[in-house]
Amino acid sequence: VFSHSYLVDSHQFDAQIEALADRYRVIAFDHRDHGRSSRATAPYDLDDLVDDTVGFIEQLGIAPCHFIGLSTGGFVGMRIAFRRPELFRSVTLMDTDAGAERALAKTKNKGLLLALRLVGLGPLMGQAMKAMFGPQFLKDADRREEAAFWRRRIRDNDPAALVRFGNAIFARSDVLEELRGVDLPCLVVAGAKDRALPKDAAPAMAAAIPGARLEFIADAGHLCTIEKPDEVTAVLSSFLDGLTDAPGS
């Protein structure tokens, strides 16, 4: 099960889904206020996103599953890992953070959400692209069309939906201590050039979760699944195929 980041949708995992689908049953979904999912009519918090995901897994009857969450997907996945571990066979946490928003980030994000309300996403696209993608991807002349595709996809988001979702994830609590009790195979992955999260976030999670494996994706920013699809897929395949159950379980 793939769970995506803020600002994008489940298509951020297209390359990984294509590569893994011959060996695994692969499912990706869109969080509320993103992609093909419905737009909310009232405020919500991160626990509501967790409940959405638990309900999704239970409704499909796919537990225990291998869960792969990036950014917001990681916020959700790590909370399920210590609250409802029976739902997971393994958990992969990508470009995410067990900590609460740092003080400087809180101030910055508060301004971002205010600007979204006042002027929409258009004037903020330069800032958004730099936060979500690493400099190598954005400067690569051979990938201009791909970058333009994601720029359009991010820009097409509903600003009101992004404000609701942002309020939910930016108010998250610190759960690093809770991760010390996680008893699941765990892979932690981070883009080495991720500018959206603190650089100590991935090592801290890997150190907290017993037996966790830590991998950095060279020259990748926040959305490493898009920027370095082959490298990310190789890391995921190595982790999943190395678990005791046969592929496809």
C-alpha atoms as a PDB file:
ATOM      1  CA  VAL A   1       0.000   0.000   0.000  1.00  0.00           C
ATOM      2  CA  PHE A   2       1.451   3.354  -1.083  1.00  0.00           C
ATOM      3  CA  SER A   3       0.551   6.587   0.750  1.00  0.00           C
ATOM      4  CA  HIS A   4       1.554   9.906  -0.809  1.00  0.00           C
ATOM      5  CA  SER A   5       2.847  13.355   0.127  1.00  0.00           C
ATOM      6  CA  TYR A   6       1.190  16.741   0.565  1.00  0.00           C
ATOM      7  CA  LEU A   7       0.652  18.665  -2.722  1.00  0.00           C
ATOM      8  CA  VAL A   8       0.820  15.585  -4.965  1.00  0.00           C
ATOM      9  CA  ASP A   9      -1.165  12.351  -5.240  1.00  0.00           C
ATOM     10  CA  SER A  10      -0.684   8.630  -5.656  1.00  0.00           C
ATOM     11  CA  HIS A  11       0.817   9.117  -9.127  1.00  0.00           C
ATOM     12  CA  GLN A  12       4.077   9.979  -7.394  1.00  0.00           C
ATOM     13  CA  PHE A  13       4.537   6.199  -7.049  1.00  0.00           C
ATOM     14  CA  ASP A  14       3.804   5.272 -10.680  1.00  0.00           C
ATOM     15  CA  ALA A  15       7.339   4.032 -11.365  1.00  0.00           C
ATOM     16  CA  GLN A  16       7.446   1.884  -8.233  1.00  0.00           C
ATOM     17  CA  ILE A  17       3.973   0.475  -8.865  1.00  0.00           C
ATOM     18  CA  GLU A  18       4.911  -0.542 -12.398  1.00  0.00           C
ATOM     19  CA  ALA A  19       8.116  -2.193 -11.215  1.00  0.00           C
ATOM     20  CA  LEU A  20       6.608  -4.096  -8.291  1.00  0.00           C
ATOM     21  CA  ALA A  21       3.236  -5.105  -9.726  1.00  0.00           C
ATOM     22  CA  ASP A  22       4.561  -8.319 -11.244  1.00  0.00           C
ATOM     23  CA  ARG A  23       5.484  -9.644  -7.789  1.00  0.00           C
ATOM     24  CA  TYR A  24       3.075  -7.916  -5.403  1.00  0.00           C
ATOM     25  CA  ARG A  25      -0.521  -6.833  -5.273  1.00  0.00           C
ATOM     26  CA  VAL A  26       0.036  -3.064  -5.316  1.00  0.00           C
ATOM     27  CA  ILE A  27      -2.500  -0.495  -4.110  1.00  0.00           C
ATOM     28  CA  ALA A  28      -2.149   3.287  -3.982  1.00  0.00           C
ATOM     29  CA  PHE A  29      -4.761   5.733  -2.745  1.00  0.00           C
ATOM     30  CA  ASP A  30      -5.275   9.488  -2.555  1.00  0.00           C
ATOM     31  CA  HIS A  31      -5.697  11.187   0.807  1.00  0.00           C
ATOM     32  CA  ARG A  32      -8.738  13.384   1.348  1.00  0.00           C
ATOM     33  CA  ASP A  33      -8.453  16.786  -0.362  1.00  0.00           C
ATOM     34  CA  HIS A  34      -5.988  15.346  -2.903  1.00  0.00           C
ATOM     35  CA  GLY A  35      -6.204  13.667  -6.281  1.00  0.00           C
ATOM     36  CA  ARG A  36      -9.323  11.629  -6.914  1.00  0.00           C
ATOM     37  CA  SER A  37     -10.497  11.630  -3.298  1.00  0.00           C
ATOM     38  CA  SER A  38     -13.336  13.832  -2.114  1.00  0.00           C
ATOM     39  CA  ARG A  39     -12.906  17.355  -0.778  1.00  0.00           C
ATOM     40  CA  ALA A  40     -13.550  17.841   2.912  1.00  0.00           C
ATOM     41  CA  THR A  41     -16.297  20.143   4.165  1.00  0.00           C
ATOM     42  CA  ALA A  42     -14.869  20.762   7.648  1.00  0.00           C
ATOM     43  CA  PRO A  43     -11.475  20.963   9.365  1.00  0.00           C
ATOM     44  CA  TYR A  44      -9.709  17.735  10.326  1.00  0.00           C
ATOM     45  CA  ASP A  45      -6.433  16.634  11.884  1.00  0.00           C
ATOM     46  CA  LEU A  46      -3.711  14.066  11.297  1.00  0.00           C
ATOM     47  CA  ASP A  47      -5.530  11.459  13.365  1.00  0.00           C
ATOM     48  CA  ASP A  48      -8.414  11.705  10.897  1.00  0.00           C
ATOM     49  CA  LEU A  49      -5.992  10.880   8.077  1.00  0.00           C
ATOM     50  CA  VAL A  50      -4.760   7.921  10.127  1.00  0.00           C
ATOM     51  CA  ASP A  51      -8.346   6.754  10.634  1.00  0.00           C
ATOM     52  CA  ASP A  52      -9.038   7.140   6.902  1.00  0.00           C
ATOM     53  CA  THR A  53      -6.101   4.870   6.113  1.00  0.00           C
ATOM     54  CA  VAL A  54      -6.963   2.278   8.746  1.00  0.00           C
ATOM     55  CA  GLY A  55     -10.502   2.178   7.379  1.00  0.00           C
ATOM     56  CA  PHE A  56      -9.191   1.807   3.835  1.00  0.00           C
ATOM     57  CA  ILE A  57      -6.982  -1.152   4.755  1.00  0.00           C
ATOM     58  CA  GLU A  58      -9.729  -2.826   6.771  1.00  0.00           C
ATOM     59  CA  GLN A  59     -12.402  -2.250   4.124  1.00  0.00           C
ATOM     60  CA  LEU A  60     -10.239  -3.897   1.472  1.00  0.00           C
ATOM     61  CA  GLY A  61      -9.294  -6.736   3.812  1.00  0.00           C
ATOM     62  CA  ILE A  62      -5.608  -6.507   2.906  1.00  0.00           C
ATOM     63  CA  ALA A  63      -4.007  -6.641   6.358  1.00  0.00           C
ATOM     64  CA  PRO A  64      -1.272  -7.323   7.116  1.00  0.00           C
ATOM     65  CA  CYS A  65       0.223  -5.296   4.289  1.00  0.00           C
ATOM     66  CA  HIS A  66       3.565  -3.800   3.378  1.00  0.00           C
ATOM     67  CA  PHE A  67       2.983  -0.067   3.886  1.00  0.00           C
ATOM     68  CA  ILE A  68       5.060   2.562   2.090  1.00  0.00           C
ATOM     69  CA  GLY A  69       4.417   6.162   3.101  1.00  0.00           C
ATOM     70  CA  LEU A  70       6.208   9.283   1.891  1.00  0.00           C
ATOM     71  CA  SER A  71       6.038  12.555   3.852  1.00  0.00           C
ATOM     72  CA  THR A  72       2.382  12.733   4.967  1.00  0.00           C
ATOM     73  CA  GLY A  73       2.131   9.047   4.109  1.00  0.00           C
ATOM     74  CA  GLY A  74       4.960   8.481   6.556  1.00  0.00           C
ATOM     75  CA  PHE A  75       3.260  10.555   9.261  1.00  0.00           C
ATOM     76  CA  VAL A  76       0.268   8.266   8.839  1.00  0.00           C
ATOM     77  CA  GLY A  77       2.209   5.018   8.522  1.00  0.00           C
ATOM     78  CA  MET A  78       4.344   5.470  11.620  1.00  0.00           C
ATOM     79  CA  ARG A  79       1.243   6.158  13.743  1.00  0.00           C
ATOM     80  CA  ILE A  80      -0.484   3.032  12.472  1.00  0.00           C
ATOM     81  CA  ALA A  81       2.722   1.077  13.118  1.00  0.00           C
ATOM     82  CA  PHE A  82       2.555   1.695  16.860  1.00  0.00           C
ATOM     83  CA  ARG A  83      -1.230   1.959  17.259  1.00  0.00           C
ATOM     84  CA  ARG A  84      -2.398  -0.879  14.994  1.00  0.00           C
ATOM     85  CA  PRO A  85       0.695  -2.968  14.182  1.00  0.00           C
ATOM     86  CA  GLU A  86      -1.405  -5.984  13.227  1.00  0.00           C
ATOM     87  CA  LEU A  87      -2.354  -4.137  10.028  1.00  0.00           C
ATOM     88  CA  PHE A  88       1.231  -4.115   8.744  1.00  0.00           C
ATOM     89  CA  ARG A  89       3.654  -6.755   7.532  1.00  0.00           C
ATOM     90  CA  SER A  90       6.316  -4.052   7.222  1.00  0.00           C
ATOM     91  CA  VAL A  91       6.506  -0.264   7.143  1.00  0.00           C
ATOM     92  CA  THR A  92       8.621   1.974   4.918  1.00  0.00           C
ATOM     93  CA  LEU A  93       8.961   5.611   5.965  1.00  0.00           C
ATOM     94  CA  MET A  94      10.190   7.890   3.199  1.00  0.00           C
ATOM     95  CA  ASP A  95      11.127  11.583   3.439  1.00  0.00           C
ATOM     96  CA  THR A  96       9.147  11.982   6.629  1.00  0.00           C
ATOM     97  CA  ASP A  97       9.646  13.001  10.257  1.00  0.00           C
ATOM     98  CA  ALA A  98       8.586  11.638  13.644  1.00  0.00           C
ATOM     99  CA  GLY A  99       9.012  15.055  15.232  1.00  0.00           C
ATOM    100  CA  ALA A 100       6.617  17.950  15.490  1.00  0.00           C
ATOM    101  CA  GLU A 101       7.157  20.920  13.196  1.00  0.00           C
ATOM    102  CA  ARG A 102      10.160  22.915  14.356  1.00  0.00           C
ATOM    103  CA  ALA A 103       9.571  26.519  15.467  1.00  0.00           C
ATOM    104  CA  LEU A 104      10.993  28.091  12.313  1.00  0.00           C
ATOM    105  CA  ALA A 105       9.046  25.716  10.078  1.00  0.00           C
ATOM    106  CA  LYS A 106       5.838  26.490  11.984  1.00  0.00           C
ATOM    107  CA  THR A 107       6.281  30.201  11.346  1.00  0.00           C
ATOM    108  CA  LYS A 108       7.084  29.608   7.681  1.00  0.00           C
ATOM    109  CA  ASN A 109       4.150  27.253   7.180  1.00  0.00           C
ATOM    110  CA  LYS A 110       1.743  29.602   8.924  1.00  0.00           C
ATOM    111  CA  GLY A 111       2.718  32.267   6.390  1.00  0.00           C
ATOM    112  CA  LEU A 112       2.382  29.766   3.549  1.00  0.00           C
ATOM    113  CA  LEU A 113      -1.167  28.827   4.525  1.00  0.00           C
ATOM    114  CA  LEU A 114      -2.129  32.483   4.907  1.00  0.00           C
ATOM    115  CA  ALA A 115      -0.757  33.224   1.445  1.00  0.00           C
ATOM    116  CA  LEU A 116      -2.659  30.253   0.020  1.00  0.00           C
ATOM    117  CA  ARG A 117      -5.879  31.678   1.416  1.00  0.00           C
ATOM    118  CA  LEU A 118      -5.180  35.169   0.086  1.00  0.00           C
ATOM    119  CA  VAL A 119      -3.587  34.661  -3.330  1.00  0.00           C
ATOM    120  CA  GLY A 120      -3.809  30.949  -4.164  1.00  0.00           C
ATOM    121  CA  LEU A 121      -0.978  28.662  -5.174  1.00  0.00           C
ATOM    122  CA  GLY A 122       0.185  30.403  -8.370  1.00  0.00           C
ATOM    123  CA  PRO A 123       2.557  32.978  -6.815  1.00  0.00           C
ATOM    124  CA  LEU A 124       3.946  30.297  -4.487  1.00  0.00           C
ATOM    125  CA  MET A 125       4.881  27.752  -7.142  1.00  0.00           C
ATOM    126  CA  GLY A 126       8.584  28.587  -7.183  1.00  0.00           C
ATOM    127  CA  GLN A 127       8.780  28.061  -3.432  1.00  0.00           C
ATOM    128  CA  ALA A 128       6.712  24.876  -3.630  1.00  0.00           C
ATOM    129  CA  MET A 129       8.849  23.313  -6.358  1.00  0.00           C
ATOM    130  CA  LYS A 130      12.076  24.037  -4.471  1.00  0.00           C
ATOM    131  CA  ALA A 131      10.607  22.461  -1.333  1.00  0.00           C
ATOM    132  CA  MET A 132       9.410  19.329  -3.096  1.00  0.00           C
ATOM    133  CA  PHE A 133      12.237  18.653  -5.556  1.00  0.00           C
ATOM    134  CA  GLY A 134      16.010  18.648  -5.346  1.00  0.00           C
ATOM    135  CA  PRO A 135      18.158  21.075  -7.356  1.00  0.00           C
ATOM    136  CA  GLN A 136      19.480  18.387  -9.704  1.00  0.00           C
ATOM    137  CA  PHE A 137      15.978  17.476 -10.896  1.00  0.00           C
ATOM    138  CA  LEU A 138      14.917  21.101 -11.341  1.00  0.00           C
ATOM    139  CA  LYS A 139      18.067  22.011 -13.312  1.00  0.00           C
ATOM    140  CA  ASP A 140      18.121  18.926 -15.545  1.00  0.00           C
ATOM    141  CA  ALA A 141      17.367  20.079 -19.105  1.00  0.00           C
ATOM    142  CA  ASP A 142      16.422  16.538 -20.107  1.00  0.00           C
ATOM    143  CA  ARG A 143      13.657  16.465 -17.482  1.00  0.00           C
ATOM    144  CA  ARG A 144      12.065  19.856 -18.109  1.00  0.00           C
ATOM    145  CA  GLU A 145       8.846  18.327 -19.412  1.00  0.00           C
ATOM    146  CA  GLU A 146       8.599  16.071 -16.375  1.00  0.00           C
ATOM    147  CA  ALA A 147       9.189  19.005 -14.019  1.00  0.00           C
ATOM    148  CA  ALA A 148       6.579  21.035 -15.919  1.00  0.00           C
ATOM    149  CA  PHE A 149       4.104  18.166 -15.580  1.00  0.00           C
ATOM    150  CA  TRP A 150       4.487  18.115 -11.798  1.00  0.00           C
ATOM    151  CA  ARG A 151       4.405  21.895 -11.621  1.00  0.00           C
ATOM    152  CA  ARG A 152       1.009  21.852 -13.361  1.00  0.00           C
ATOM    153  CA  ARG A 153      -0.228  19.012 -11.190  1.00  0.00           C
ATOM    154  CA  ILE A 154       0.726  20.826  -7.984  1.00  0.00           C
ATOM    155  CA  ARG A 155      -0.663  24.148  -9.240  1.00  0.00           C
ATOM    156  CA  ASP A 156      -4.014  22.517 -10.051  1.00  0.00           C
ATOM    157  CA  ASN A 157      -4.665  21.714  -6.386  1.00  0.00           C
ATOM    158  CA  ASP A 158      -7.599  23.448  -4.698  1.00  0.00           C
ATOM    159  CA  PRO A 159      -6.053  26.108  -2.393  1.00  0.00           C
ATOM    160  CA  ALA A 160      -8.774  25.660   0.236  1.00  0.00           C
ATOM    161  CA  ALA A 161      -8.095  21.919   0.298  1.00  0.00           C
ATOM    162  CA  LEU A 162      -4.373  22.535   0.741  1.00  0.00           C
ATOM    163  CA  VAL A 163      -5.051  24.892   3.646  1.00  0.00           C
ATOM    164  CA  ARG A 164      -7.186  22.269   5.401  1.00  0.00           C
ATOM    165  CA  PHE A 165      -4.618  19.548   4.801  1.00  0.00           C
ATOM    166  CA  GLY A 166      -1.723  21.786   5.794  1.00  0.00           C
ATOM    167  CA  ASN A 167      -3.403  22.716   9.061  1.00  0.00           C
ATOM    168  CA  ALA A 168      -3.759  18.995   9.797  1.00  0.00           C
ATOM    169  CA  ILE A 169      -0.190  17.905   9.129  1.00  0.00           C
ATOM    170  CA  PHE A 170       1.645  20.990  10.389  1.00  0.00           C
ATOM    171  CA  ALA A 171       0.004  20.593  13.811  1.00  0.00           C
ATOM    172  CA  ARG A 172       1.247  17.026  14.266  1.00  0.00           C
ATOM    173  CA  SER A 173       2.760  15.879  17.560  1.00  0.00           C
ATOM    174  CA  ASP A 174       6.176  14.358  18.241  1.00  0.00           C
ATOM    175  CA  VAL A 175       5.965  10.547  18.219  1.00  0.00           C
ATOM    176  CA  LEU A 176       9.656   9.621  18.223  1.00  0.00           C
ATOM    177  CA  GLU A 177       9.433   7.883  21.600  1.00  0.00           C
ATOM    178  CA  GLU A 178       6.449   5.830  20.459  1.00  0.00           C
ATOM    179  CA  LEU A 179       8.525   4.488  17.565  1.00  0.00           C
ATOM    180  CA  ARG A 180      10.856   2.764  20.025  1.00  0.00           C
ATOM    181  CA  GLY A 181       8.114   0.210  20.629  1.00  0.00           C
ATOM    182  CA  VAL A 182       7.536  -0.633  16.965  1.00  0.00           C
ATOM    183  CA  ASP A 183       8.161  -4.336  16.336  1.00  0.00           C
ATOM    184  CA  LEU A 184       7.928  -4.501  12.545  1.00  0.00           C
ATOM    185  CA  PRO A 185      10.440  -4.713   9.719  1.00  0.00           C
ATOM    186  CA  CYS A 186      11.133  -1.080   8.884  1.00  0.00           C
ATOM    187  CA  LEU A 187      12.913   0.763   6.091  1.00  0.00           C
ATOM    188  CA  VAL A 188      13.653   4.485   6.416  1.00  0.00           C
ATOM    189  CA  VAL A 189      14.464   6.293   3.169  1.00  0.00           C
ATOM    190  CA  ALA A 190      15.382   9.944   2.609  1.00  0.00           C
ATOM    191  CA  GLY A 191      16.473  12.056  -0.305  1.00  0.00           C
ATOM    192  CA  ALA A 192      19.960  13.347   0.458  1.00  0.00           C
ATOM    193  CA  LYS A 193      18.922  16.796  -0.842  1.00  0.00           C
ATOM    194  CA  ASP A 194      15.501  16.969   0.849  1.00  0.00           C
ATOM    195  CA  ARG A 195      14.884  20.634   1.707  1.00  0.00           C
ATOM    196  CA  ALA A 196      11.434  20.126   3.225  1.00  0.00           C
ATOM    197  CA  LEU A 197      12.491  18.288   6.394  1.00  0.00           C
ATOM    198  CA  PRO A 198      15.282  18.477   8.989  1.00  0.00           C
ATOM    199  CA  LYS A 199      18.369  16.497   7.985  1.00  0.00           C
ATOM    200  CA  ASP A 200      18.332  14.589  11.270  1.00  0.00           C
ATOM    201  CA  ALA A 201      14.766  13.318  10.791  1.00  0.00           C
ATOM    202  CA  ALA A 202      15.577  10.062   8.989  1.00  0.00           C
ATOM    203  CA  PRO A 203      18.534   9.042  11.199  1.00  0.00           C
ATOM    204  CA  ALA A 204      16.462   9.756  14.316  1.00  0.00           C
ATOM    205  CA  MET A 205      13.634   7.488  13.158  1.00  0.00           C
ATOM    206  CA  ALA A 206      16.005   4.718  12.115  1.00  0.00           C
ATOM    207  CA  ALA A 207      17.762   4.891  15.480  1.00  0.00           C
ATOM    208  CA  ALA A 208      14.460   4.776  17.369  1.00  0.00           C
ATOM    209  CA  ILE A 209      12.894   1.792  15.580  1.00  0.00           C
ATOM    210  CA  PRO A 210      14.596  -1.483  16.550  1.00  0.00           C
ATOM    211  CA  GLY A 211      16.339  -3.057  13.572  1.00  0.00           C
ATOM    212  CA  ALA A 212      15.340  -0.338  11.103  1.00  0.00           C
ATOM    213  CA  ARG A 213      17.327  -0.006   7.896  1.00  0.00           C
ATOM    214  CA  LEU A 214      18.329   3.499   6.747  1.00  0.00           C
ATOM    215  CA  GLU A 215      18.952   4.437   3.109  1.00  0.00           C
ATOM    216  CA  PHE A 216      19.716   7.819   1.532  1.00  0.00           C
ATOM    217  CA  ILE A 217      18.974   8.480  -2.135  1.00  0.00           C
ATOM    218  CA  ALA A 218      21.819  10.537  -3.587  1.00  0.00           C
ATOM    219  CA  ASP A 219      20.929  13.899  -5.179  1.00  0.00           C
ATOM    220  CA  ALA A 220      17.194  13.430  -4.494  1.00  0.00           C
ATOM    221  CA  GLY A 221      14.929  15.971  -2.853  1.00  0.00           C
ATOM    222  CA  HIS A 222      11.642  15.448  -1.016  1.00  0.00           C
ATOM    223  CA  LEU A 223       9.854  13.510  -3.755  1.00  0.00           C
ATOM    224  CA  CYS A 224      12.561  10.933  -4.304  1.00  0.00           C
ATOM    225  CA  THR A 225      10.164   8.447  -5.918  1.00  0.00           C
ATOM    226  CA  ILE A 226       9.792  10.865  -8.842  1.00  0.00           C
ATOM    227  CA  GLU A 227      13.329  12.225  -8.984  1.00  0.00           C
ATOM    228  CA  LYS A 228      15.197   8.922  -8.657  1.00  0.00           C
ATOM    229  CA  PRO A 229      12.650   6.229  -9.537  1.00  0.00           C
ATOM    230  CA  ASP A 230      15.113   3.445 -10.351  1.00  0.00           C
ATOM    231  CA  GLU A 231      17.189   3.989  -7.223  1.00  0.00           C
ATOM    232  CA  VAL A 232      14.124   4.090  -4.977  1.00  0.00           C
ATOM    233  CA  THR A 233      12.621   1.010  -6.591  1.00  0.00           C
ATOM    234  CA  ALA A 234      15.882  -0.889  -6.107  1.00  0.00           C
ATOM    235  CA  VAL A 235      15.957  -0.031  -2.403  1.00  0.00           C
ATOM    236  CA  LEU A 236      12.303  -1.004  -1.946  1.00  0.00           C
ATOM    237  CA  SER A 237      12.753  -4.267  -3.843  1.00  0.00           C
ATOM    238  CA  SER A 238      15.800  -5.219  -1.803  1.00  0.00           C
ATOM    239  CA  PHE A 239      13.948  -4.572   1.442  1.00  0.00           C
ATOM    240  CA  LEU A 240      10.668  -6.257   0.528  1.00  0.00           C
ATOM    241  CA  ASP A 241      12.221  -9.264  -1.193  1.00  0.00           C
ATOM    242  CA  GLY A 242      14.538  -9.753   1.768  1.00  0.00           C
ATOM    243  CA  LEU A 243      11.724 -10.312   4.237  1.00  0.00           C
ATOM    244  CA  THR A 244      11.049 -13.858   5.341  1.00  0.00           C
ATOM    245  CA  ASP A 245       7.768 -14.339   3.488  1.00  0.00           C
ATOM    246  CA  ALA A 246       7.893 -14.900  -0.247  1.00  0.00           C
ATOM    247  CA  PRO A 247       7.211 -11.945  -2.552  1.00  0.00           C
ATOM    248  CA  GLY A 248       3.514 -11.392  -3.073  1.00  0.00           C
ATOM    249  CA  SER A 249       2.592 -12.024   0.541  1.00  0.00           C
END
